[in-house]
PDB file of N, CA and C in Angstrom:
ATOM      1  N   UNK A   1    -108.469  63.452 -12.968  1.00  0.00           N
ATOM      2  CA  UNK A   1    -107.185  63.068 -12.435  1.00  0.00           C
ATOM      3  C   UNK A   1    -107.354  62.551 -11.011  1.00  0.00           C
ATOM      4  N   UNK A   2    -106.793  61.376 -10.751  1.00  0.00           N
ATOM      5  CA  UNK A   2    -106.974  60.782  -9.426  1.00  0.00           C
ATOM      6  C   UNK A   2    -105.729  61.004  -8.570  1.00  0.00           C
ATOM      7  N   UNK A   3    -105.964  61.114  -7.296  1.00  0.00           N
ATOM      8  CA  UNK A   3    -104.874  61.299  -6.343  1.00  0.00           C
ATOM      9  C   UNK A   3    -104.399  59.919  -5.911  1.00  0.00           C
ATOM     10  N   UNK A   4    -103.074  59.668  -5.959  1.00  0.00           N
ATOM     11  CA  UNK A   4    -102.592  58.348  -5.537  1.00  0.00           C
ATOM     12  C   UNK A   4    -102.829  58.135  -4.036  1.00  0.00           C
ATOM     13  N   UNK A   5    -103.315  56.956  -3.702  1.00  0.00           N
ATOM     14  CA  UNK A   5    -103.586  56.651  -2.301  1.00  0.00           C
ATOM     15  C   UNK A   5    -102.312  56.131  -1.635  1.00  0.00           C
ATOM     16  N   UNK A   6    -102.231  56.343  -0.363  1.00  0.00           N
ATOM     17  CA  UNK A   6    -101.058  55.899   0.392  1.00  0.00           C
ATOM     18  C   UNK A   6    -101.273  54.479   0.891  1.00  0.00           C
ATOM     19  N   UNK A   7    -100.210  53.748   0.874  1.00  0.00           N
ATOM     20  CA  UNK A   7    -100.237  52.397   1.418  1.00  0.00           C
ATOM     21  C   UNK A   7    -100.139  52.499   2.939  1.00  0.00           C
ATOM     22  N   UNK A   8    -101.097  51.929   3.703  1.00  0.00           N
ATOM     23  CA  UNK A   8    -101.039  52.064   5.170  1.00  0.00           C
ATOM     24  C   UNK A   8     -99.824  51.374   5.788  1.00  0.00           C
ATOM     25  N   UNK A   9     -99.233  50.435   5.074  1.00  0.00           N
ATOM     26  CA  UNK A   9     -98.062  49.747   5.609  1.00  0.00           C
ATOM     27  C   UNK A   9     -96.779  50.536   5.365  1.00  0.00           C
ATOM     28  N   UNK A  10     -96.867  51.544   4.509  1.00  0.00           N
ATOM     29  CA  UNK A  10     -95.693  52.340   4.197  1.00  0.00           C
ATOM     30  C   UNK A  10     -95.345  53.206   5.399  1.00  0.00           C
ATOM     31  N   UNK A  11     -94.060  53.406   5.644  1.00  0.00           N
ATOM     32  CA  UNK A  11     -93.572  54.107   6.826  1.00  0.00           C
ATOM     33  C   UNK A  11     -93.871  55.605   6.793  1.00  0.00           C
ATOM     34  N   UNK A  12     -94.286  56.140   5.690  1.00  0.00           N
ATOM     35  CA  UNK A  12     -94.643  57.544   5.499  1.00  0.00           C
ATOM     36  C   UNK A  12     -93.523  58.507   5.851  1.00  0.00           C
ATOM     37  N   UNK A  13     -92.280  58.066   5.757  1.00  0.00           N
ATOM     38  CA  UNK A  13     -91.145  58.957   5.910  1.00  0.00           C
ATOM     39  C   UNK A  13     -90.754  59.273   7.334  1.00  0.00           C
ATOM     40  N   UNK A  14     -91.428  58.719   8.312  1.00  0.00           N
ATOM     41  CA  UNK A  14     -91.051  58.997   9.695  1.00  0.00           C
ATOM     42  C   UNK A  14     -89.763  58.268  10.035  1.00  0.00           C
ATOM     43  N   UNK A  15     -88.911  58.923  10.786  1.00  0.00           N
ATOM     44  CA  UNK A  15     -87.646  58.303  11.159  1.00  0.00           C
ATOM     45  C   UNK A  15     -87.808  57.415  12.388  1.00  0.00           C
ATOM     46  N   UNK A  16     -88.785  57.677  13.208  1.00  0.00           N
ATOM     47  CA  UNK A  16     -88.923  56.993  14.482  1.00  0.00           C
ATOM     48  C   UNK A  16     -89.481  55.596  14.402  1.00  0.00           C
ATOM     49  N   UNK A  17     -89.720  55.062  13.235  1.00  0.00           N
ATOM     50  CA  UNK A  17     -90.245  53.709  13.138  1.00  0.00           C
ATOM     51  C   UNK A  17     -91.759  53.728  13.066  1.00  0.00           C
ATOM     52  N   UNK A  18     -92.338  52.587  13.126  1.00  0.00           N
ATOM     53  CA  UNK A  18     -93.779  52.472  12.969  1.00  0.00           C
ATOM     54  C   UNK A  18     -94.451  51.994  14.235  1.00  0.00           C
ATOM     55  N   UNK A  19     -95.318  51.015  14.104  1.00  0.00           N
ATOM     56  CA  UNK A  19     -96.091  50.570  15.251  1.00  0.00           C
ATOM     57  C   UNK A  19     -95.248  49.880  16.319  1.00  0.00           C
ATOM     58  N   UNK A  20     -94.068  49.431  15.969  1.00  0.00           N
ATOM     59  CA  UNK A  20     -93.213  48.753  16.937  1.00  0.00           C
ATOM     60  C   UNK A  20     -92.408  49.695  17.811  1.00  0.00           C
ATOM     61  N   UNK A  21     -92.536  50.985  17.593  1.00  0.00           N
ATOM     62  CA  UNK A  21     -91.784  51.955  18.376  1.00  0.00           C
ATOM     63  C   UNK A  21     -90.564  52.435  17.610  1.00  0.00           C
ATOM     64  N   UNK A  22     -89.735  53.229  18.267  1.00  0.00           N
ATOM     65  CA  UNK A  22     -88.562  53.773  17.576  1.00  0.00           C
ATOM     66  C   UNK A  22     -87.532  52.689  17.276  1.00  0.00           C
ATOM     67  N   UNK A  23     -86.789  52.917  16.212  1.00  0.00           N
ATOM     68  CA  UNK A  23     -85.744  51.969  15.839  1.00  0.00           C
ATOM     69  C   UNK A  23     -84.571  52.097  16.786  1.00  0.00           C
ATOM     70  N   UNK A  24     -83.876  50.973  16.989  1.00  0.00           N
ATOM     71  CA  UNK A  24     -82.670  51.019  17.813  1.00  0.00           C
ATOM     72  C   UNK A  24     -81.568  51.694  17.013  1.00  0.00           C
ATOM     73  N   UNK A  25     -80.883  52.592  17.635  1.00  0.00           N
ATOM     74  CA  UNK A  25     -79.849  53.347  16.939  1.00  0.00           C
ATOM     75  C   UNK A  25     -78.510  52.637  16.975  1.00  0.00           C
ATOM     76  N   UNK A  26     -78.169  52.048  18.135  1.00  0.00           N
ATOM     77  CA  UNK A  26     -76.845  51.458  18.296  1.00  0.00           C
ATOM     78  C   UNK A  26     -77.000  50.032  18.796  1.00  0.00           C
ATOM     79  N   UNK A  27     -76.463  49.108  18.056  1.00  0.00           N
ATOM     80  CA  UNK A  27     -76.470  47.706  18.472  1.00  0.00           C
ATOM     81  C   UNK A  27     -75.025  47.281  18.658  1.00  0.00           C
ATOM     82  N   UNK A  28     -74.736  46.749  19.842  1.00  0.00           N
ATOM     83  CA  UNK A  28     -73.373  46.335  20.131  1.00  0.00           C
ATOM     84  C   UNK A  28     -72.988  45.151  19.252  1.00  0.00           C
ATOM     85  N   UNK A  29     -71.789  45.174  18.726  1.00  0.00           N
ATOM     86  CA  UNK A  29     -71.282  44.088  17.895  1.00  0.00           C
ATOM     87  C   UNK A  29     -71.023  42.886  18.772  1.00  0.00           C
ATOM     88  N   UNK A  30     -71.625  41.766  18.406  1.00  0.00           N
ATOM     89  CA  UNK A  30     -71.384  40.542  19.161  1.00  0.00           C
ATOM     90  C   UNK A  30     -70.034  39.984  18.768  1.00  0.00           C
ATOM     91  N   UNK A  31     -69.364  39.372  19.710  1.00  0.00           N
ATOM     92  CA  UNK A  31     -68.054  38.815  19.429  1.00  0.00           C
ATOM     93  C   UNK A  31     -67.959  37.438  20.062  1.00  0.00           C
ATOM     94  N   UNK A  32     -67.069  36.650  19.545  1.00  0.00           N
ATOM     95  CA  UNK A  32     -66.859  35.299  20.046  1.00  0.00           C
ATOM     96  C   UNK A  32     -65.999  35.362  21.304  1.00  0.00           C
ATOM     97  N   UNK A  33     -66.515  34.866  22.412  1.00  0.00           N
ATOM     98  CA  UNK A  33     -65.766  34.881  23.663  1.00  0.00           C
ATOM     99  C   UNK A  33     -64.517  34.024  23.587  1.00  0.00           C
ATOM    100  N   UNK A  34     -64.633  32.931  22.852  1.00  0.00           N
ATOM    101  CA  UNK A  34     -63.527  31.981  22.798  1.00  0.00           C
ATOM    102  C   UNK A  34     -62.390  32.487  21.912  1.00  0.00           C
ATOM    103  N   UNK A  35     -62.695  33.306  20.925  1.00  0.00           N
ATOM    104  CA  UNK A  35     -61.639  33.921  20.109  1.00  0.00           C
ATOM    105  C   UNK A  35     -61.005  35.091  20.859  1.00  0.00           C
ATOM    106  N   UNK A  36     -61.820  35.838  21.613  1.00  0.00           N
ATOM    107  CA  UNK A  36     -61.307  37.005  22.320  1.00  0.00           C
ATOM    108  C   UNK A  36     -60.419  36.598  23.495  1.00  0.00           C
ATOM    109  N   UNK A  37     -60.844  35.584  24.239  1.00  0.00           N
ATOM    110  CA  UNK A  37     -60.072  35.122  25.387  1.00  0.00           C
ATOM    111  C   UNK A  37     -59.502  33.757  25.051  1.00  0.00           C
ATOM    112  N   UNK A  38     -58.255  33.725  24.677  1.00  0.00           N
ATOM    113  CA  UNK A  38     -57.613  32.481  24.223  1.00  0.00           C
ATOM    114  C   UNK A  38     -57.512  31.442  25.332  1.00  0.00           C
ATOM    115  N   UNK A  39     -57.418  31.889  26.604  1.00  0.00           N
ATOM    116  CA  UNK A  39     -57.271  30.918  27.690  1.00  0.00           C
ATOM    117  C   UNK A  39     -58.597  30.236  28.047  1.00  0.00           C
ATOM    118  N   UNK A  40     -59.721  30.772  27.551  1.00  0.00           N
ATOM    119  CA  UNK A  40     -61.031  30.165  27.794  1.00  0.00           C
ATOM    120  C   UNK A  40     -61.195  28.955  26.880  1.00  0.00           C
ATOM    121  N   UNK A  41     -61.304  27.769  27.464  1.00  0.00           N
ATOM    122  CA  UNK A  41     -61.380  26.534  26.690  1.00  0.00           C
ATOM    123  C   UNK A  41     -62.770  25.925  26.803  1.00  0.00           C
ATOM    124  N   UNK A  42     -63.227  25.347  25.718  1.00  0.00           N
ATOM    125  CA  UNK A  42     -64.498  24.633  25.709  1.00  0.00           C
ATOM    126  C   UNK A  42     -64.276  23.223  26.244  1.00  0.00           C
ATOM    127  N   UNK A  43     -65.061  22.856  27.243  1.00  0.00           N
ATOM    128  CA  UNK A  43     -64.949  21.520  27.800  1.00  0.00           C
ATOM    129  C   UNK A  43     -66.311  21.121  28.338  1.00  0.00           C
ATOM    130  N   UNK A  44     -66.724  19.892  28.084  1.00  0.00           N
ATOM    131  CA  UNK A  44     -68.049  19.444  28.510  1.00  0.00           C
ATOM    132  C   UNK A  44     -68.165  19.357  30.031  1.00  0.00           C
ATOM    133  N   UNK A  45     -67.037  19.295  30.736  1.00  0.00           N
ATOM    134  CA  UNK A  45     -67.068  19.206  32.195  1.00  0.00           C
ATOM    135  C   UNK A  45     -67.313  20.560  32.860  1.00  0.00           C
ATOM    136  N   UNK A  46     -67.130  21.637  32.124  1.00  0.00           N
ATOM    137  CA  UNK A  46     -67.365  22.980  32.654  1.00  0.00           C
ATOM    138  C   UNK A  46     -68.848  23.319  32.475  1.00  0.00           C
ATOM    139  N   UNK A  47     -69.669  22.814  33.398  1.00  0.00           N
ATOM    140  CA  UNK A  47     -71.121  22.913  33.279  1.00  0.00           C
ATOM    141  C   UNK A  47     -71.582  24.358  33.372  1.00  0.00           C
ATOM    142  N   UNK A  48     -70.947  25.151  34.220  1.00  0.00           N
ATOM    143  CA  UNK A  48     -71.360  26.545  34.392  1.00  0.00           C
ATOM    144  C   UNK A  48     -71.271  27.314  33.073  1.00  0.00           C
ATOM    145  N   UNK A  49     -70.190  27.128  32.345  1.00  0.00           N
ATOM    146  CA  UNK A  49     -70.025  27.839  31.079  1.00  0.00           C
ATOM    147  C   UNK A  49     -70.979  27.301  30.010  1.00  0.00           C
ATOM    148  N   UNK A  50     -71.145  25.991  29.965  1.00  0.00           N
ATOM    149  CA  UNK A  50     -71.997  25.394  28.935  1.00  0.00           C
ATOM    150  C   UNK A  50     -73.458  25.789  29.136  1.00  0.00           C
ATOM    151  N   UNK A  51     -73.894  25.940  30.375  1.00  0.00           N
ATOM    152  CA  UNK A  51     -75.287  26.322  30.641  1.00  0.00           C
ATOM    153  C   UNK A  51     -75.616  27.712  30.109  1.00  0.00           C
ATOM    154  N   UNK A  52     -74.618  28.548  29.922  1.00  0.00           N
ATOM    155  CA  UNK A  52     -74.855  29.885  29.373  1.00  0.00           C
ATOM    156  C   UNK A  52     -75.258  29.828  27.903  1.00  0.00           C
ATOM    157  N   UNK A  53     -74.948  28.720  27.237  1.00  0.00           N
ATOM    158  CA  UNK A  53     -75.256  28.573  25.822  1.00  0.00           C
ATOM    159  C   UNK A  53     -76.426  27.631  25.576  1.00  0.00           C
ATOM    160  N   UNK A  54     -77.170  27.307  26.641  1.00  0.00           N
ATOM    161  CA  UNK A  54     -78.354  26.464  26.527  1.00  0.00           C
ATOM    162  C   UNK A  54     -79.521  27.257  27.112  1.00  0.00           C
ATOM    163  N   UNK A  55     -80.646  27.302  26.380  1.00  0.00           N
ATOM    164  CA  UNK A  55     -81.808  28.047  26.867  1.00  0.00           C
ATOM    165  C   UNK A  55     -82.474  27.291  28.006  1.00  0.00           C
ATOM    166  N   UNK A  56     -83.440  27.949  28.656  1.00  0.00           N
ATOM    167  CA  UNK A  56     -84.112  27.291  29.774  1.00  0.00           C
ATOM    168  C   UNK A  56     -84.974  26.120  29.315  1.00  0.00           C
ATOM    169  N   UNK A  57     -85.315  26.074  28.034  1.00  0.00           N
ATOM    170  CA  UNK A  57     -86.054  24.935  27.493  1.00  0.00           C
ATOM    171  C   UNK A  57     -85.130  23.785  27.133  1.00  0.00           C
ATOM    172  N   UNK A  58     -83.809  24.017  27.157  1.00  0.00           N
ATOM    173  CA  UNK A  58     -82.853  22.966  26.852  1.00  0.00           C
ATOM    174  C   UNK A  58     -82.310  23.037  25.443  1.00  0.00           C
ATOM    175  N   UNK A  59     -82.657  24.085  24.702  1.00  0.00           N
ATOM    176  CA  UNK A  59     -82.185  24.224  23.323  1.00  0.00           C
ATOM    177  C   UNK A  59     -80.835  24.932  23.287  1.00  0.00           C
ATOM    178  N   UNK A  60     -80.032  24.588  22.294  1.00  0.00           N
ATOM    179  CA  UNK A  60     -78.733  25.247  22.109  1.00  0.00           C
ATOM    180  C   UNK A  60     -78.985  26.623  21.501  1.00  0.00           C
ATOM    181  N   UNK A  61     -78.395  27.650  22.097  1.00  0.00           N
ATOM    182  CA  UNK A  61     -78.592  29.023  21.643  1.00  0.00           C
ATOM    183  C   UNK A  61     -77.867  29.219  20.316  1.00  0.00           C
ATOM    184  N   UNK A  62     -78.535  29.791  19.293  1.00  0.00           N
ATOM    185  CA  UNK A  62     -77.893  29.957  17.985  1.00  0.00           C
ATOM    186  C   UNK A  62     -76.790  31.018  17.980  1.00  0.00           C
ATOM    187  N   UNK A  63     -75.969  30.955  16.942  1.00  0.00           N
ATOM    188  CA  UNK A  63     -74.830  31.880  16.784  1.00  0.00           C
ATOM    189  C   UNK A  63     -75.255  33.325  16.755  1.00  0.00           C
ATOM    190  N   UNK A  64     -76.330  33.622  16.050  1.00  0.00           N
ATOM    191  CA  UNK A  64     -76.738  35.021  15.884  1.00  0.00           C
ATOM    192  C   UNK A  64     -77.138  35.658  17.199  1.00  0.00           C
ATOM    193  N   UNK A  65     -77.478  34.836  18.191  1.00  0.00           N
ATOM    194  CA  UNK A  65     -77.838  35.361  19.506  1.00  0.00           C
ATOM    195  C   UNK A  65     -76.643  35.318  20.451  1.00  0.00           C
ATOM    196  N   UNK A  66     -75.910  34.207  20.466  1.00  0.00           N
ATOM    197  CA  UNK A  66     -74.787  34.087  21.400  1.00  0.00           C
ATOM    198  C   UNK A  66     -73.561  34.872  20.947  1.00  0.00           C
ATOM    199  N   UNK A  67     -73.373  35.021  19.629  1.00  0.00           N
ATOM    200  CA  UNK A  67     -72.245  35.798  19.127  1.00  0.00           C
ATOM    201  C   UNK A  67     -70.988  34.986  18.884  1.00  0.00           C
ATOM    202  N   UNK A  68     -71.047  33.675  19.063  1.00  0.00           N
ATOM    203  CA  UNK A  68     -69.862  32.861  18.834  1.00  0.00           C
ATOM    204  C   UNK A  68     -69.600  32.703  17.339  1.00  0.00           C
ATOM    205  N   UNK A  69     -68.347  32.463  16.988  1.00  0.00           N
ATOM    206  CA  UNK A  69     -68.004  32.260  15.580  1.00  0.00           C
ATOM    207  C   UNK A  69     -68.413  30.850  15.172  1.00  0.00           C
ATOM    208  N   UNK A  70     -68.391  30.559  13.881  1.00  0.00           N
ATOM    209  CA  UNK A  70     -68.860  29.274  13.362  1.00  0.00           C
ATOM    210  C   UNK A  70     -68.026  28.115  13.895  1.00  0.00           C
ATOM    211  N   UNK A  71     -66.719  28.308  13.950  1.00  0.00           N
ATOM    212  CA  UNK A  71     -65.822  27.252  14.411  1.00  0.00           C
ATOM    213  C   UNK A  71     -66.125  26.873  15.864  1.00  0.00           C
ATOM    214  N   UNK A  72     -66.268  27.878  16.716  1.00  0.00           N
ATOM    215  CA  UNK A  72     -66.513  27.601  18.124  1.00  0.00           C
ATOM    216  C   UNK A  72     -67.957  27.169  18.375  1.00  0.00           C
ATOM    217  N   UNK A  73     -68.895  27.587  17.535  1.00  0.00           N
ATOM    218  CA  UNK A  73     -70.276  27.129  17.691  1.00  0.00           C
ATOM    219  C   UNK A  73     -70.367  25.629  17.412  1.00  0.00           C
ATOM    220  N   UNK A  74     -69.631  25.155  16.407  1.00  0.00           N
ATOM    221  CA  UNK A  74     -69.621  23.712  16.123  1.00  0.00           C
ATOM    222  C   UNK A  74     -69.025  22.938  17.294  1.00  0.00           C
ATOM    223  N   UNK A  75     -67.921  23.438  17.836  1.00  0.00           N
ATOM    224  CA  UNK A  75     -67.284  22.764  18.974  1.00  0.00           C
ATOM    225  C   UNK A  75     -68.179  22.833  20.213  1.00  0.00           C
ATOM    226  N   UNK A  76     -68.830  23.960  20.404  1.00  0.00           N
ATOM    227  CA  UNK A  76     -69.736  24.129  21.531  1.00  0.00           C
ATOM    228  C   UNK A  76     -70.897  23.139  21.460  1.00  0.00           C
ATOM    229  N   UNK A  77     -71.433  22.937  20.266  1.00  0.00           N
ATOM    230  CA  UNK A  77     -72.530  21.990  20.079  1.00  0.00           C
ATOM    231  C   UNK A  77     -72.102  20.574  20.441  1.00  0.00           C
ATOM    232  N   UNK A  78     -70.903  20.188  20.025  1.00  0.00           N
ATOM    233  CA  UNK A  78     -70.389  18.853  20.346  1.00  0.00           C
ATOM    234  C   UNK A  78     -70.225  18.708  21.860  1.00  0.00           C
ATOM    235  N   UNK A  79     -69.688  19.732  22.515  1.00  0.00           N
ATOM    236  CA  UNK A  79     -69.460  19.669  23.960  1.00  0.00           C
ATOM    237  C   UNK A  79     -70.779  19.637  24.732  1.00  0.00           C
ATOM    238  N   UNK A  80     -71.794  20.365  24.264  1.00  0.00           N
ATOM    239  CA  UNK A  80     -73.108  20.335  24.911  1.00  0.00           C
ATOM    240  C   UNK A  80     -73.710  18.941  24.791  1.00  0.00           C
ATOM    241  N   UNK A  81     -73.569  18.323  23.627  1.00  0.00           N
ATOM    242  CA  UNK A  81     -74.102  16.971  23.433  1.00  0.00           C
ATOM    243  C   UNK A  81     -73.367  15.960  24.305  1.00  0.00           C
ATOM    244  N   UNK A  82     -72.048  16.124  24.472  1.00  0.00           N
ATOM    245  CA  UNK A  82     -71.290  15.245  25.372  1.00  0.00           C
ATOM    246  C   UNK A  82     -71.790  15.395  26.810  1.00  0.00           C
ATOM    247  N   UNK A  83     -72.001  16.654  27.234  1.00  0.00           N
ATOM    248  CA  UNK A  83     -72.465  16.904  28.601  1.00  0.00           C
ATOM    249  C   UNK A  83     -73.856  16.334  28.829  1.00  0.00           C
ATOM    250  N   UNK A  84     -74.689  16.347  27.804  1.00  0.00           N
ATOM    251  CA  UNK A  84     -76.023  15.755  27.931  1.00  0.00           C
ATOM    252  C   UNK A  84     -75.939  14.243  28.085  1.00  0.00           C
ATOM    253  N   UNK A  85     -75.068  13.610  27.313  1.00  0.00           N
ATOM    254  CA  UNK A  85     -74.941  12.153  27.361  1.00  0.00           C
ATOM    255  C   UNK A  85     -74.422  11.695  28.724  1.00  0.00           C
ATOM    256  N   UNK A  86     -73.497  12.461  29.296  1.00  0.00           N
ATOM    257  CA  UNK A  86     -72.929  12.108  30.592  1.00  0.00           C
ATOM    258  C   UNK A  86     -73.846  12.575  31.733  1.00  0.00           C
ATOM    259  N   UNK A  87     -74.964  13.204  31.391  1.00  0.00           N
ATOM    260  CA  UNK A  87     -75.988  13.678  32.337  1.00  0.00           C
ATOM    261  C   UNK A  87     -75.507  14.818  33.219  1.00  0.00           C
ATOM    262  N   UNK A  88     -74.624  15.665  32.695  1.00  0.00           N
ATOM    263  CA  UNK A  88     -74.220  16.860  33.436  1.00  0.00           C
ATOM    264  C   UNK A  88     -75.247  17.977  33.255  1.00  0.00           C
ATOM    265  N   UNK A  89     -75.883  18.023  32.090  1.00  0.00           N
ATOM    266  CA  UNK A  89     -76.980  18.951  31.842  1.00  0.00           C
ATOM    267  C   UNK A  89     -78.146  18.149  31.259  1.00  0.00           C
ATOM    268  N   UNK A  90     -79.382  18.586  31.495  1.00  0.00           N
ATOM    269  CA  UNK A  90     -80.527  17.822  30.998  1.00  0.00           C
ATOM    270  C   UNK A  90     -80.732  18.011  29.493  1.00  0.00           C
ATOM    271  N   UNK A  91     -81.374  17.021  28.861  1.00  0.00           N
ATOM    272  CA  UNK A  91     -81.711  17.137  27.451  1.00  0.00           C
ATOM    273  C   UNK A  91     -82.788  18.194  27.256  1.00  0.00           C
ATOM    274  N   UNK A  92     -83.800  18.195  28.123  1.00  0.00           N
ATOM    275  CA  UNK A  92     -84.884  19.182  28.059  1.00  0.00           C
ATOM    276  C   UNK A  92     -85.147  19.709  29.460  1.00  0.00           C
ATOM    277  N   UNK A  93     -85.975  20.743  29.518  1.00  0.00           N
ATOM    278  CA  UNK A  93     -86.356  21.293  30.822  1.00  0.00           C
ATOM    279  C   UNK A  93     -87.315  20.324  31.504  1.00  0.00           C
ATOM    280  N   UNK A  94     -87.390  20.425  32.818  1.00  0.00           N
ATOM    281  CA  UNK A  94     -88.335  19.562  33.535  1.00  0.00           C
ATOM    282  C   UNK A  94     -89.758  19.967  33.176  1.00  0.00           C
ATOM    283  N   UNK A  95     -90.588  18.981  32.985  1.00  0.00           N
ATOM    284  CA  UNK A  95     -91.966  19.225  32.562  1.00  0.00           C
ATOM    285  C   UNK A  95     -92.792  19.661  33.764  1.00  0.00           C
ATOM    286  N   UNK A  96     -93.439  20.817  33.644  1.00  0.00           N
ATOM    287  CA  UNK A  96     -94.299  21.321  34.705  1.00  0.00           C
ATOM    288  C   UNK A  96     -95.716  21.341  34.177  1.00  0.00           C
ATOM    289  N   UNK A  97     -96.611  20.667  34.875  1.00  0.00           N
ATOM    290  CA  UNK A  97     -98.024  20.624  34.438  1.00  0.00           C
ATOM    291  C   UNK A  97     -98.920  21.117  35.511  1.00  0.00           C
TER     292      UNK A  97
END
């Protein structure tokens, strides 16, 4: 009779997680700022607000990270593209070599 071997990738029943450390217990629910605050309007001229949704590399931050709803993410993308065309924000980060 053979003894079943354990899979090294199996968590072995520990609650604290594996090699990545303990699991996060509480994750705050992300919410759409534009739905929560009705007076907050999306506009390509508001560079300060739009820069919060663009990474330092110049990429648009996705919904799952920013927390915006689908409707406002689509509008935000259009406004970011307008601001880029009018040169209020750069298309990409400045190249450093």
